[in-house]
């Protein structure tokens, strides 16, 4: 009987500790979201004009407009990976017509430009 009670007490302590950890994590997430929201509100106040960014990829201006330079960079890297994957697929489907060497593949160039909204 005493062993069962000790096991039940340990389970309760573990459940309470787990609940406390979950509460702390949830609180930290809520704090982070609130801080980010406050930061965004502060950035939008006053006469500050938020910059927008466009991407010129492989010599062609893309239609998408990005809020941050990091978003534009991420999209450019995604397009680069799509280009490489497309070249690999074409080579696998018809190697005689589409040469592909992983080491000598030239990634397309890109440029991120700031635009007026």
PDB file of N, CA and C in Angstrom:
ATOM      1  N   UNK A   1       0.826  -1.187   0.000  1.00  0.00           N
ATOM      2  CA  UNK A   1       0.000   0.000   0.000  1.00  0.00           C
ATOM      3  C   UNK A   1       0.874   1.256   0.000  1.00  0.00           C
ATOM      4  N   UNK A   2       1.947   1.239   0.763  1.00  0.00           N
ATOM      5  CA  UNK A   2       2.824   2.405   0.849  1.00  0.00           C
ATOM      6  C   UNK A   2       3.541   2.638  -0.474  1.00  0.00           C
ATOM      7  N   UNK A   3       3.912   1.560  -1.162  1.00  0.00           N
ATOM      8  CA  UNK A   3       4.603   1.691  -2.444  1.00  0.00           C
ATOM      9  C   UNK A   3       3.671   2.328  -3.465  1.00  0.00           C
ATOM     10  N   UNK A   4       2.412   1.903  -3.493  1.00  0.00           N
ATOM     11  CA  UNK A   4       1.437   2.461  -4.419  1.00  0.00           C
ATOM     12  C   UNK A   4       1.248   3.946  -4.155  1.00  0.00           C
ATOM     13  N   UNK A   5       1.207   4.335  -2.897  1.00  0.00           N
ATOM     14  CA  UNK A   5       1.013   5.747  -2.547  1.00  0.00           C
ATOM     15  C   UNK A   5       2.216   6.580  -3.004  1.00  0.00           C
ATOM     16  N   UNK A   6       3.430   6.059  -2.832  1.00  0.00           N
ATOM     17  CA  UNK A   6       4.627   6.779  -3.262  1.00  0.00           C
ATOM     18  C   UNK A   6       4.617   6.946  -4.771  1.00  0.00           C
ATOM     19  N   UNK A   7       4.231   5.896  -5.500  1.00  0.00           N
ATOM     20  CA  UNK A   7       4.168   5.983  -6.961  1.00  0.00           C
ATOM     21  C   UNK A   7       3.138   7.016  -7.388  1.00  0.00           C
ATOM     22  N   UNK A   8       1.991   7.015  -6.750  1.00  0.00           N
ATOM     23  CA  UNK A   8       0.954   7.991  -7.085  1.00  0.00           C
ATOM     24  C   UNK A   8       1.421   9.405  -6.775  1.00  0.00           C
ATOM     25  N   UNK A   9       2.136   9.571  -5.654  1.00  0.00           N
ATOM     26  CA  UNK A   9       2.650  10.889  -5.310  1.00  0.00           C
ATOM     27  C   UNK A   9       3.678  11.356  -6.337  1.00  0.00           C
ATOM     28  N   UNK A  10       4.542  10.448  -6.798  1.00  0.00           N
ATOM     29  CA  UNK A  10       5.532  10.813  -7.814  1.00  0.00           C
ATOM     30  C   UNK A  10       4.854  11.192  -9.124  1.00  0.00           C
ATOM     31  N   UNK A  11       3.790  10.484  -9.474  1.00  0.00           N
ATOM     32  CA  UNK A  11       3.054  10.807 -10.691  1.00  0.00           C
ATOM     33  C   UNK A  11       2.425  12.195 -10.577  1.00  0.00           C
ATOM     34  N   UNK A  12       1.867  12.502  -9.401  1.00  0.00           N
ATOM     35  CA  UNK A  12       1.268  13.821  -9.187  1.00  0.00           C
ATOM     36  C   UNK A  12       2.320  14.920  -9.286  1.00  0.00           C
ATOM     37  N   UNK A  13       3.479  14.696  -8.669  1.00  0.00           N
ATOM     38  CA  UNK A  13       4.557  15.682  -8.719  1.00  0.00           C
ATOM     39  C   UNK A  13       5.021  15.880 -10.157  1.00  0.00           C
ATOM     40  N   UNK A  14       5.164  14.773 -10.891  1.00  0.00           N
ATOM     41  CA  UNK A  14       5.582  14.868 -12.291  1.00  0.00           C
ATOM     42  C   UNK A  14       4.540  15.617 -13.113  1.00  0.00           C
ATOM     43  N   UNK A  15       3.259  15.338 -12.872  1.00  0.00           N
ATOM     44  CA  UNK A  15       2.192  16.023 -13.605  1.00  0.00           C
ATOM     45  C   UNK A  15       2.181  17.512 -13.274  1.00  0.00           C
ATOM     46  N   UNK A  16       2.387  17.845 -12.028  1.00  0.00           N
ATOM     47  CA  UNK A  16       2.421  19.257 -11.622  1.00  0.00           C
ATOM     48  C   UNK A  16       3.623  19.962 -12.248  1.00  0.00           C
ATOM     49  N   UNK A  17       4.774  19.289 -12.234  1.00  0.00           N
ATOM     50  CA  UNK A  17       5.978  19.881 -12.836  1.00  0.00           C
ATOM     51  C   UNK A  17       5.779  20.076 -14.336  1.00  0.00           C
ATOM     52  N   UNK A  18       5.205  19.072 -14.992  1.00  0.00           N
ATOM     53  CA  UNK A  18       4.954  19.176 -16.428  1.00  0.00           C
ATOM     54  C   UNK A  18       3.985  20.330 -16.714  1.00  0.00           C
ATOM     55  N   UNK A  19       2.949  20.449 -15.902  1.00  0.00           N
ATOM     56  CA  UNK A  19       1.990  21.544 -16.067  1.00  0.00           C
ATOM     57  C   UNK A  19       2.651  22.902 -15.877  1.00  0.00           C
ATOM     58  N   UNK A  20       3.549  22.984 -14.903  1.00  0.00           N
ATOM     59  CA  UNK A  20       4.257  24.242 -14.651  1.00  0.00           C
ATOM     60  C   UNK A  20       5.156  24.600 -15.832  1.00  0.00           C
ATOM     61  N   UNK A  21       5.847  23.608 -16.379  1.00  0.00           N
ATOM     62  CA  UNK A  21       6.711  23.858 -17.534  1.00  0.00           C
ATOM     63  C   UNK A  21       5.877  24.324 -18.724  1.00  0.00           C
ATOM     64  N   UNK A  22       4.760  23.651 -18.967  1.00  0.00           N
ATOM     65  CA  UNK A  22       3.887  24.060 -20.080  1.00  0.00           C
ATOM     66  C   UNK A  22       3.383  25.490 -19.891  1.00  0.00           C
ATOM     67  N   UNK A  23       3.034  25.831 -18.666  1.00  0.00           N
ATOM     68  CA  UNK A  23       2.568  27.185 -18.382  1.00  0.00           C
ATOM     69  C   UNK A  23       3.670  28.199 -18.646  1.00  0.00           C
ATOM     70  N   UNK A  24       4.901  27.891 -18.231  1.00  0.00           N
ATOM     71  CA  UNK A  24       6.021  28.798 -18.475  1.00  0.00           C
ATOM     72  C   UNK A  24       6.286  28.976 -19.965  1.00  0.00           C
ATOM     73  N   UNK A  25       6.254  27.878 -20.705  1.00  0.00           N
ATOM     74  CA  UNK A  25       6.494  27.958 -22.143  1.00  0.00           C
ATOM     75  C   UNK A  25       5.397  28.766 -22.825  1.00  0.00           C
ATOM     76  N   UNK A  26       4.162  28.500 -22.465  1.00  0.00           N
ATOM     77  CA  UNK A  26       3.048  29.251 -23.049  1.00  0.00           C
ATOM     78  C   UNK A  26       3.158  30.734 -22.713  1.00  0.00           C
ATOM     79  N   UNK A  27       3.541  31.030 -21.488  1.00  0.00           N
ATOM     80  CA  UNK A  27       3.715  32.428 -21.091  1.00  0.00           C
ATOM     81  C   UNK A  27       4.819  33.107 -21.871  1.00  0.00           C
ATOM     82  N   UNK A  28       5.916  32.390 -22.072  1.00  0.00           N
ATOM     83  CA  UNK A  28       7.026  32.949 -22.851  1.00  0.00           C
ATOM     84  C   UNK A  28       6.606  33.199 -24.294  1.00  0.00           C
ATOM     85  N   UNK A  29       5.834  32.281 -24.866  1.00  0.00           N
ATOM     86  CA  UNK A  29       5.355  32.464 -26.240  1.00  0.00           C
ATOM     87  C   UNK A  29       4.425  33.671 -26.336  1.00  0.00           C
ATOM     88  N   UNK A  30       3.528  33.798 -25.388  1.00  0.00           N
ATOM     89  CA  UNK A  30       2.620  34.948 -25.385  1.00  0.00           C
ATOM     90  C   UNK A  30       3.381  36.256 -25.225  1.00  0.00           C
ATOM     91  N   UNK A  31       4.406  36.241 -24.375  1.00  0.00           N
ATOM     92  CA  UNK A  31       5.222  37.429 -24.183  1.00  0.00           C
ATOM     93  C   UNK A  31       5.944  37.792 -25.476  1.00  0.00           C
ATOM     94  N   UNK A  32       6.486  36.785 -26.158  1.00  0.00           N
ATOM     95  CA  UNK A  32       7.203  37.031 -27.413  1.00  0.00           C
ATOM     96  C   UNK A  32       6.265  37.605 -28.468  1.00  0.00           C
ATOM     97  N   UNK A  33       5.062  37.051 -28.559  1.00  0.00           N
ATOM     98  CA  UNK A  33       4.088  37.553 -29.532  1.00  0.00           C
ATOM     99  C   UNK A  33       3.694  38.988 -29.203  1.00  0.00           C
ATOM    100  N   UNK A  34       3.450  39.260 -27.923  1.00  0.00           N
ATOM    101  CA  UNK A  34       3.074  40.614 -27.513  1.00  0.00           C
ATOM    102  C   UNK A  34       4.212  41.596 -27.759  1.00  0.00           C
ATOM    103  N   UNK A  35       5.442  41.180 -27.486  1.00  0.00           N
ATOM    104  CA  UNK A  35       6.595  42.048 -27.725  1.00  0.00           C
ATOM    105  C   UNK A  35       6.751  42.343 -29.204  1.00  0.00           C
ATOM    106  N   UNK A  36       6.576  41.319 -30.026  1.00  0.00           N
ATOM    107  CA  UNK A  36       6.695  41.494 -31.482  1.00  0.00           C
ATOM    108  C   UNK A  36       5.598  42.423 -31.994  1.00  0.00           C
ATOM    109  N   UNK A  37       4.388  42.252 -31.462  1.00  0.00           N
ATOM    110  CA  UNK A  37       3.280  43.106 -31.874  1.00  0.00           C
ATOM    111  C   UNK A  37       3.556  44.553 -31.477  1.00  0.00           C
ATOM    112  N   UNK A  38       4.060  44.758 -30.286  1.00  0.00           N
ATOM    113  CA  UNK A  38       4.384  46.097 -29.814  1.00  0.00           C
ATOM    114  C   UNK A  38       5.488  46.705 -30.674  1.00  0.00           C
ATOM    115  N   UNK A  39       6.495  45.900 -31.019  1.00  0.00           N
ATOM    116  CA  UNK A  39       7.584  46.377 -31.857  1.00  0.00           C
ATOM    117  C   UNK A  39       7.058  46.784 -33.231  1.00  0.00           C
ATOM    118  N   UNK A  40       6.169  45.986 -33.796  1.00  0.00           N
ATOM    119  CA  UNK A  40       5.585  46.319 -35.089  1.00  0.00           C
ATOM    120  C   UNK A  40       4.758  47.594 -35.013  1.00  0.00           C
ATOM    121  N   UNK A  41       4.013  47.758 -33.918  1.00  0.00           N
ATOM    122  CA  UNK A  41       3.225  48.983 -33.744  1.00  0.00           C
ATOM    123  C   UNK A  41       4.144  50.193 -33.652  1.00  0.00           C
ATOM    124  N   UNK A  42       5.251  50.050 -32.930  1.00  0.00           N
ATOM    125  CA  UNK A  42       6.201  51.151 -32.800  1.00  0.00           C
ATOM    126  C   UNK A  42       6.832  51.490 -34.146  1.00  0.00           C
ATOM    127  N   UNK A  43       7.091  50.475 -34.958  1.00  0.00           N
ATOM    128  CA  UNK A  43       7.679  50.711 -36.275  1.00  0.00           C
ATOM    129  C   UNK A  43       6.711  51.439 -37.199  1.00  0.00           C
ATOM    130  N   UNK A  44       5.413  51.260 -36.994  1.00  0.00           N
ATOM    131  CA  UNK A  44       4.425  51.874 -37.869  1.00  0.00           C
ATOM    132  C   UNK A  44       4.044  53.283 -37.434  1.00  0.00           C
ATOM    133  N   UNK A  45       4.424  53.672 -36.223  1.00  0.00           N
ATOM    134  CA  UNK A  45       4.062  54.995 -35.720  1.00  0.00           C
ATOM    135  C   UNK A  45       4.939  56.070 -36.353  1.00  0.00           C
ATOM    136  N   UNK A  46       4.422  57.264 -36.397  1.00  0.00           N
ATOM    137  CA  UNK A  46       5.201  58.405 -36.854  1.00  0.00           C
ATOM    138  C   UNK A  46       5.284  58.474 -38.358  1.00  0.00           C
ATOM    139  N   UNK A  47       6.276  59.184 -38.820  1.00  0.00           N
ATOM    140  CA  UNK A  47       6.433  59.412 -40.240  1.00  0.00           C
ATOM    141  C   UNK A  47       7.334  58.377 -40.921  1.00  0.00           C
ATOM    142  N   UNK A  48       7.722  57.342 -40.193  1.00  0.00           N
ATOM    143  CA  UNK A  48       8.574  56.324 -40.784  1.00  0.00           C
ATOM    144  C   UNK A  48       7.808  55.586 -41.872  1.00  0.00           C
ATOM    145  N   UNK A  49       8.405  55.517 -43.037  1.00  0.00           N
ATOM    146  CA  UNK A  49       7.807  54.785 -44.134  1.00  0.00           C
ATOM    147  C   UNK A  49       8.514  53.441 -44.210  1.00  0.00           C
ATOM    148  N   UNK A  50       7.724  52.397 -44.172  1.00  0.00           N
ATOM    149  CA  UNK A  50       8.295  51.065 -44.235  1.00  0.00           C
ATOM    150  C   UNK A  50       8.764  50.794 -45.662  1.00  0.00           C
ATOM    151  N   UNK A  51       9.975  50.341 -45.788  1.00  0.00           N
ATOM    152  CA  UNK A  51      10.523  50.010 -47.099  1.00  0.00           C
ATOM    153  C   UNK A  51       9.940  48.691 -47.580  1.00  0.00           C
ATOM    154  N   UNK A  52       9.804  48.569 -48.869  1.00  0.00           N
ATOM    155  CA  UNK A  52       9.390  47.332 -49.512  1.00  0.00           C
ATOM    156  C   UNK A  52      10.516  46.899 -50.433  1.00  0.00           C
ATOM    157  N   UNK A  53      10.564  45.638 -50.736  1.00  0.00           N
ATOM    158  CA  UNK A  53      11.659  45.105 -51.519  1.00  0.00           C
ATOM    159  C   UNK A  53      11.137  44.232 -52.649  1.00  0.00           C
ATOM    160  N   UNK A  54      11.849  44.282 -53.763  1.00  0.00           N
ATOM    161  CA  UNK A  54      11.565  43.417 -54.907  1.00  0.00           C
ATOM    162  C   UNK A  54      12.826  42.645 -55.236  1.00  0.00           C
ATOM    163  N   UNK A  55      12.637  41.638 -56.028  1.00  0.00           N
ATOM    164  CA  UNK A  55      13.710  40.733 -56.368  1.00  0.00           C
ATOM    165  C   UNK A  55      13.908  40.723 -57.882  1.00  0.00           C
ATOM    166  N   UNK A  56      15.143  40.895 -58.296  1.00  0.00           N
ATOM    167  CA  UNK A  56      15.499  40.695 -59.693  1.00  0.00           C
ATOM    168  C   UNK A  56      16.253  39.373 -59.725  1.00  0.00           C
ATOM    169  N   UNK A  57      15.641  38.372 -60.341  1.00  0.00           N
ATOM    170  CA  UNK A  57      16.196  37.027 -60.344  1.00  0.00           C
ATOM    171  C   UNK A  57      16.537  36.625 -61.763  1.00  0.00           C
ATOM    172  N   UNK A  58      17.779  36.301 -61.987  1.00  0.00           N
ATOM    173  CA  UNK A  58      18.271  35.877 -63.297  1.00  0.00           C
ATOM    174  C   UNK A  58      17.940  36.917 -64.370  1.00  0.00           C
ATOM    175  N   UNK A  59      18.063  38.185 -63.993  1.00  0.00           N
ATOM    176  CA  UNK A  59      17.858  39.291 -64.924  1.00  0.00           C
ATOM    177  C   UNK A  59      16.416  39.714 -65.108  1.00  0.00           C
ATOM    178  N   UNK A  60      15.471  39.044 -64.464  1.00  0.00           N
ATOM    179  CA  UNK A  60      14.053  39.380 -64.606  1.00  0.00           C
ATOM    180  C   UNK A  60      13.483  39.856 -63.276  1.00  0.00           C
ATOM    181  N   UNK A  61      12.781  40.991 -63.310  1.00  0.00           N
ATOM    182  CA  UNK A  61      12.170  41.514 -62.093  1.00  0.00           C
ATOM    183  C   UNK A  61      10.940  40.672 -61.755  1.00  0.00           C
ATOM    184  N   UNK A  62      10.899  40.200 -60.533  1.00  0.00           N
ATOM    185  CA  UNK A  62       9.783  39.382 -60.070  1.00  0.00           C
ATOM    186  C   UNK A  62       8.621  40.273 -59.641  1.00  0.00           C
ATOM    187  N   UNK A  63       7.404  39.746 -59.675  1.00  0.00           N
ATOM    188  CA  UNK A  63       6.211  40.526 -59.339  1.00  0.00           C
ATOM    189  C   UNK A  63       6.011  40.708 -57.840  1.00  0.00           C
ATOM    190  N   UNK A  64       6.501  39.765 -57.047  1.00  0.00           N
ATOM    191  CA  UNK A  64       6.259  39.804 -55.610  1.00  0.00           C
ATOM    192  C   UNK A  64       6.934  41.012 -54.967  1.00  0.00           C
ATOM    193  N   UNK A  65       6.260  41.567 -53.970  1.00  0.00           N
ATOM    194  CA  UNK A  65       6.816  42.652 -53.156  1.00  0.00           C
ATOM    195  C   UNK A  65       6.931  42.116 -51.734  1.00  0.00           C
ATOM    196  N   UNK A  66       8.098  42.323 -51.129  1.00  0.00           N
ATOM    197  CA  UNK A  66       8.376  41.769 -49.809  1.00  0.00           C
ATOM    198  C   UNK A  66       8.473  42.886 -48.779  1.00  0.00           C
ATOM    199  N   UNK A  67       8.030  42.581 -47.567  1.00  0.00           N
ATOM    200  CA  UNK A  67       8.076  43.557 -46.476  1.00  0.00           C
ATOM    201  C   UNK A  67       9.483  43.741 -45.934  1.00  0.00           C
ATOM    202  N   UNK A  68      10.268  42.690 -45.976  1.00  0.00           N
ATOM    203  CA  UNK A  68      11.627  42.782 -45.445  1.00  0.00           C
ATOM    204  C   UNK A  68      12.623  42.265 -46.469  1.00  0.00           C
ATOM    205  N   UNK A  69      13.851  42.720 -46.312  1.00  0.00           N
ATOM    206  CA  UNK A  69      14.920  42.251 -47.186  1.00  0.00           C
ATOM    207  C   UNK A  69      15.192  40.763 -46.949  1.00  0.00           C
ATOM    208  N   UNK A  70      15.003  40.324 -45.703  1.00  0.00           N
ATOM    209  CA  UNK A  70      15.218  38.918 -45.374  1.00  0.00           C
ATOM    210  C   UNK A  70      14.211  38.032 -46.096  1.00  0.00           C
ATOM    211  N   UNK A  71      12.953  38.482 -46.201  1.00  0.00           N
ATOM    212  CA  UNK A  71      11.939  37.714 -46.925  1.00  0.00           C
ATOM    213  C   UNK A  71      12.304  37.596 -48.400  1.00  0.00           C
ATOM    214  N   UNK A  72      12.788  38.679 -48.982  1.00  0.00           N
ATOM    215  CA  UNK A  72      13.201  38.664 -50.387  1.00  0.00           C
ATOM    216  C   UNK A  72      14.385  37.719 -50.580  1.00  0.00           C
ATOM    217  N   UNK A  73      15.334  37.760 -49.652  1.00  0.00           N
ATOM    218  CA  UNK A  73      16.499  36.875 -49.714  1.00  0.00           C
ATOM    219  C   UNK A  73      16.071  35.411 -49.633  1.00  0.00           C
ATOM    220  N   UNK A  74      15.160  35.121 -48.721  1.00  0.00           N
ATOM    221  CA  UNK A  74      14.667  33.755 -48.554  1.00  0.00           C
ATOM    222  C   UNK A  74      14.000  33.272 -49.843  1.00  0.00           C
ATOM    223  N   UNK A  75      13.215  34.140 -50.473  1.00  0.00           N
ATOM    224  CA  UNK A  75      12.547  33.778 -51.713  1.00  0.00           C
ATOM    225  C   UNK A  75      13.564  33.549 -52.836  1.00  0.00           C
ATOM    226  N   UNK A  76      14.593  34.366 -52.899  1.00  0.00           N
ATOM    227  CA  UNK A  76      15.630  34.211 -53.915  1.00  0.00           C
ATOM    228  C   UNK A  76      16.340  32.865 -53.743  1.00  0.00           C
ATOM    229  N   UNK A  77      16.639  32.499 -52.516  1.00  0.00           N
ATOM    230  CA  UNK A  77      17.294  31.217 -52.272  1.00  0.00           C
ATOM    231  C   UNK A  77      16.374  30.050 -52.621  1.00  0.00           C
ATOM    232  N   UNK A  78      15.077  30.228 -52.381  1.00  0.00           N
ATOM    233  CA  UNK A  78      14.101  29.210 -52.772  1.00  0.00           C
ATOM    234  C   UNK A  78      14.087  29.047 -54.293  1.00  0.00           C
ATOM    235  N   UNK A  79      14.074  30.169 -55.019  1.00  0.00           N
ATOM    236  CA  UNK A  79      14.084  30.103 -56.479  1.00  0.00           C
ATOM    237  C   UNK A  79      15.362  29.442 -56.993  1.00  0.00           C
ATOM    238  N   UNK A  80      16.473  29.724 -56.343  1.00  0.00           N
ATOM    239  CA  UNK A  80      17.732  29.076 -56.728  1.00  0.00           C
ATOM    240  C   UNK A  80      17.635  27.566 -56.566  1.00  0.00           C
ATOM    241  N   UNK A  81      17.069  27.128 -55.447  1.00  0.00           N
ATOM    242  CA  UNK A  81      16.949  25.681 -55.223  1.00  0.00           C
ATOM    243  C   UNK A  81      16.003  25.050 -56.239  1.00  0.00           C
ATOM    244  N   UNK A  82      14.948  25.773 -56.616  1.00  0.00           N
ATOM    245  CA  UNK A  82      14.023  25.265 -57.638  1.00  0.00           C
ATOM    246  C   UNK A  82      14.727  25.143 -58.986  1.00  0.00           C
ATOM    247  N   UNK A  83      15.568  26.111 -59.306  1.00  0.00           N
ATOM    248  CA  UNK A  83      16.310  26.079 -60.564  1.00  0.00           C
ATOM    249  C   UNK A  83      17.235  24.867 -60.607  1.00  0.00           C
ATOM    250  N   UNK A  84      17.943  24.636 -59.523  1.00  0.00           N
ATOM    251  CA  UNK A  84      18.858  23.484 -59.458  1.00  0.00           C
ATOM    252  C   UNK A  84      18.068  22.179 -59.552  1.00  0.00           C
ATOM    253  N   UNK A  85      16.979  22.084 -58.815  1.00  0.00           N
ATOM    254  CA  UNK A  85      16.175  20.867 -58.836  1.00  0.00           C
ATOM    255  C   UNK A  85      15.584  20.631 -60.223  1.00  0.00           C
ATOM    256  N   UNK A  86      15.150  21.700 -60.881  1.00  0.00           N
ATOM    257  CA  UNK A  86      14.620  21.573 -62.234  1.00  0.00           C
ATOM    258  C   UNK A  86      15.668  21.068 -63.203  1.00  0.00           C
ATOM    259  N   UNK A  87      16.893  21.578 -63.069  1.00  0.00           N
ATOM    260  CA  UNK A  87      17.985  21.120 -63.933  1.00  0.00           C
ATOM    261  C   UNK A  87      18.278  19.632 -63.697  1.00  0.00           C
ATOM    262  N   UNK A  88      18.237  19.209 -62.439  1.00  0.00           N
ATOM    263  CA  UNK A  88      18.457  17.795 -62.128  1.00  0.00           C
ATOM    264  C   UNK A  88      17.372  16.922 -62.747  1.00  0.00           C
ATOM    265  N   UNK A  89      16.127  17.367 -62.638  1.00  0.00           N
ATOM    266  CA  UNK A  89      15.002  16.581 -63.160  1.00  0.00           C
ATOM    267  C   UNK A  89      15.078  16.485 -64.681  1.00  0.00           C
ATOM    268  N   UNK A  90      15.371  17.603 -65.346  1.00  0.00           N
ATOM    269  CA  UNK A  90      15.505  17.562 -66.800  1.00  0.00           C
ATOM    270  C   UNK A  90      16.620  16.613 -67.221  1.00  0.00           C
ATOM    271  N   UNK A  91      17.723  16.650 -66.498  1.00  0.00           N
ATOM    272  CA  UNK A  91      18.849  15.759 -66.813  1.00  0.00           C
ATOM    273  C   UNK A  91      18.454  14.296 -66.620  1.00  0.00           C
ATOM    274  N   UNK A  92      17.723  13.998 -65.553  1.00  0.00           N
ATOM    275  CA  UNK A  92      17.313  12.612 -65.315  1.00  0.00           C
ATOM    276  C   UNK A  92      16.327  12.134 -66.377  1.00  0.00           C
ATOM    277  N   UNK A  93      15.464  13.038 -66.853  1.00  0.00           N
ATOM    278  CA  UNK A  93      14.463  12.631 -67.839  1.00  0.00           C
ATOM    279  C   UNK A  93      15.064  12.449 -69.219  1.00  0.00           C
ATOM    280  N   UNK A  94      16.089  13.251 -69.565  1.00  0.00           N
ATOM    281  CA  UNK A  94      16.706  13.141 -70.881  1.00  0.00           C
ATOM    282  C   UNK A  94      18.151  13.635 -70.803  1.00  0.00           C
ATOM    283  N   UNK A  95      19.058  12.797 -70.331  1.00  0.00           N
ATOM    284  CA  UNK A  95      20.438  13.223 -70.113  1.00  0.00           C
ATOM    285  C   UNK A  95      21.158  13.680 -71.376  1.00  0.00           C
ATOM    286  N   UNK A  96      20.756  13.171 -72.525  1.00  0.00           N
ATOM    287  CA  UNK A  96      21.422  13.560 -73.765  1.00  0.00           C
ATOM    288  C   UNK A  96      21.156  15.004 -74.146  1.00  0.00           C
ATOM    289  N   UNK A  97      19.992  15.511 -73.815  1.00  0.00           N
ATOM    290  CA  UNK A  97      19.626  16.889 -74.172  1.00  0.00           C
ATOM    291  C   UNK A  97      19.933  17.897 -73.070  1.00  0.00           C
ATOM    292  N   UNK A  98      19.971  17.433 -71.830  1.00  0.00           N
ATOM    293  CA  UNK A  98      20.148  18.344 -70.702  1.00  0.00           C
ATOM    294  C   UNK A  98      21.347  17.914 -69.863  1.00  0.00           C
ATOM    295  N   UNK A  99      22.488  18.511 -70.130  1.00  0.00           N
ATOM    296  CA  UNK A  99      23.673  18.215 -69.328  1.00  0.00           C
ATOM    297  C   UNK A  99      23.517  18.854 -67.960  1.00  0.00           C
ATOM    298  N   UNK A 100      23.966  18.147 -66.951  1.00  0.00           N
ATOM    299  CA  UNK A 100      23.929  18.687 -65.587  1.00  0.00           C
ATOM    300  C   UNK A 100      25.090  18.094 -64.804  1.00  0.00           C
ATOM    301  N   UNK A 101      25.888  18.970 -64.249  1.00  0.00           N
ATOM    302  CA  UNK A 101      26.973  18.557 -63.369  1.00  0.00           C
ATOM    303  C   UNK A 101      26.808  19.350 -62.077  1.00  0.00           C
ATOM    304  N   UNK A 102      26.579  18.644 -61.016  1.00  0.00           N
ATOM    305  CA  UNK A 102      26.298  19.290 -59.727  1.00  0.00           C
ATOM    306  C   UNK A 102      27.399  20.254 -59.309  1.00  0.00           C
ATOM    307  N   UNK A 103      28.645  19.884 -59.569  1.00  0.00           N
ATOM    308  CA  UNK A 103      29.771  20.717 -59.148  1.00  0.00           C
ATOM    309  C   UNK A 103      29.944  21.964 -60.024  1.00  0.00           C
ATOM    310  N   UNK A 104      29.524  21.870 -61.288  1.00  0.00           N
ATOM    311  CA  UNK A 104      29.720  22.988 -62.210  1.00  0.00           C
ATOM    312  C   UNK A 104      28.450  23.767 -62.498  1.00  0.00           C
ATOM    313  N   UNK A 105      27.366  23.475 -61.779  1.00  0.00           N
ATOM    314  CA  UNK A 105      26.101  24.168 -62.002  1.00  0.00           C
ATOM    315  C   UNK A 105      26.241  25.635 -61.586  1.00  0.00           C
ATOM    316  N   UNK A 106      25.845  26.549 -62.481  1.00  0.00           N
ATOM    317  CA  UNK A 106      25.891  27.981 -62.180  1.00  0.00           C
ATOM    318  C   UNK A 106      24.545  28.422 -61.625  1.00  0.00           C
ATOM    319  N   UNK A 107      24.558  28.827 -60.368  1.00  0.00           N
ATOM    320  CA  UNK A 107      23.329  29.343 -59.768  1.00  0.00           C
ATOM    321  C   UNK A 107      22.980  30.682 -60.403  1.00  0.00           C
ATOM    322  N   UNK A 108      21.702  30.915 -60.659  1.00  0.00           N
ATOM    323  CA  UNK A 108      21.300  32.217 -61.209  1.00  0.00           C
ATOM    324  C   UNK A 108      21.624  33.337 -60.230  1.00  0.00           C
ATOM    325  N   UNK A 109      21.985  34.491 -60.763  1.00  0.00           N
ATOM    326  CA  UNK A 109      22.260  35.663 -59.931  1.00  0.00           C
ATOM    327  C   UNK A 109      20.937  36.319 -59.534  1.00  0.00           C
ATOM    328  N   UNK A 110      20.964  36.996 -58.401  1.00  0.00           N
ATOM    329  CA  UNK A 110      19.790  37.755 -57.982  1.00  0.00           C
ATOM    330  C   UNK A 110      20.233  39.047 -57.311  1.00  0.00           C
ATOM    331  N   UNK A 111      19.301  39.989 -57.320  1.00  0.00           N
ATOM    332  CA  UNK A 111      19.538  41.283 -56.674  1.00  0.00           C
ATOM    333  C   UNK A 111      18.263  41.693 -55.969  1.00  0.00           C
ATOM    334  N   UNK A 112      18.409  42.223 -54.778  1.00  0.00           N
ATOM    335  CA  UNK A 112      17.264  42.715 -54.018  1.00  0.00           C
ATOM    336  C   UNK A 112      17.291  44.233 -54.079  1.00  0.00           C
ATOM    337  N   UNK A 113      16.166  44.795 -54.506  1.00  0.00           N
ATOM    338  CA  UNK A 113      16.102  46.260 -54.633  1.00  0.00           C
ATOM    339  C   UNK A 113      14.997  46.799 -53.738  1.00  0.00           C
ATOM    340  N   UNK A 114      15.210  48.012 -53.267  1.00  0.00           N
ATOM    341  CA  UNK A 114      14.209  48.680 -52.433  1.00  0.00           C
ATOM    342  C   UNK A 114      13.279  49.454 -53.353  1.00  0.00           C
ATOM    343  N   UNK A 115      11.981  49.353 -53.110  1.00  0.00           N
ATOM    344  CA  UNK A 115      10.996  50.032 -53.938  1.00  0.00           C
ATOM    345  C   UNK A 115      10.101  50.903 -53.074  1.00  0.00           C
ATOM    346  N   UNK A 116       9.517  51.923 -53.686  1.00  0.00           N
ATOM    347  CA  UNK A 116       8.539  52.755 -53.009  1.00  0.00           C
ATOM    348  C   UNK A 116       7.199  52.071 -53.083  1.00  0.00           C
ATOM    349  N   UNK A 117       6.495  52.040 -51.976  1.00  0.00           N
ATOM    350  CA  UNK A 117       5.207  51.349 -51.930  1.00  0.00           C
ATOM    351  C   UNK A 117       4.114  52.147 -52.568  1.00  0.00           C
TER     352      UNK A 117
END
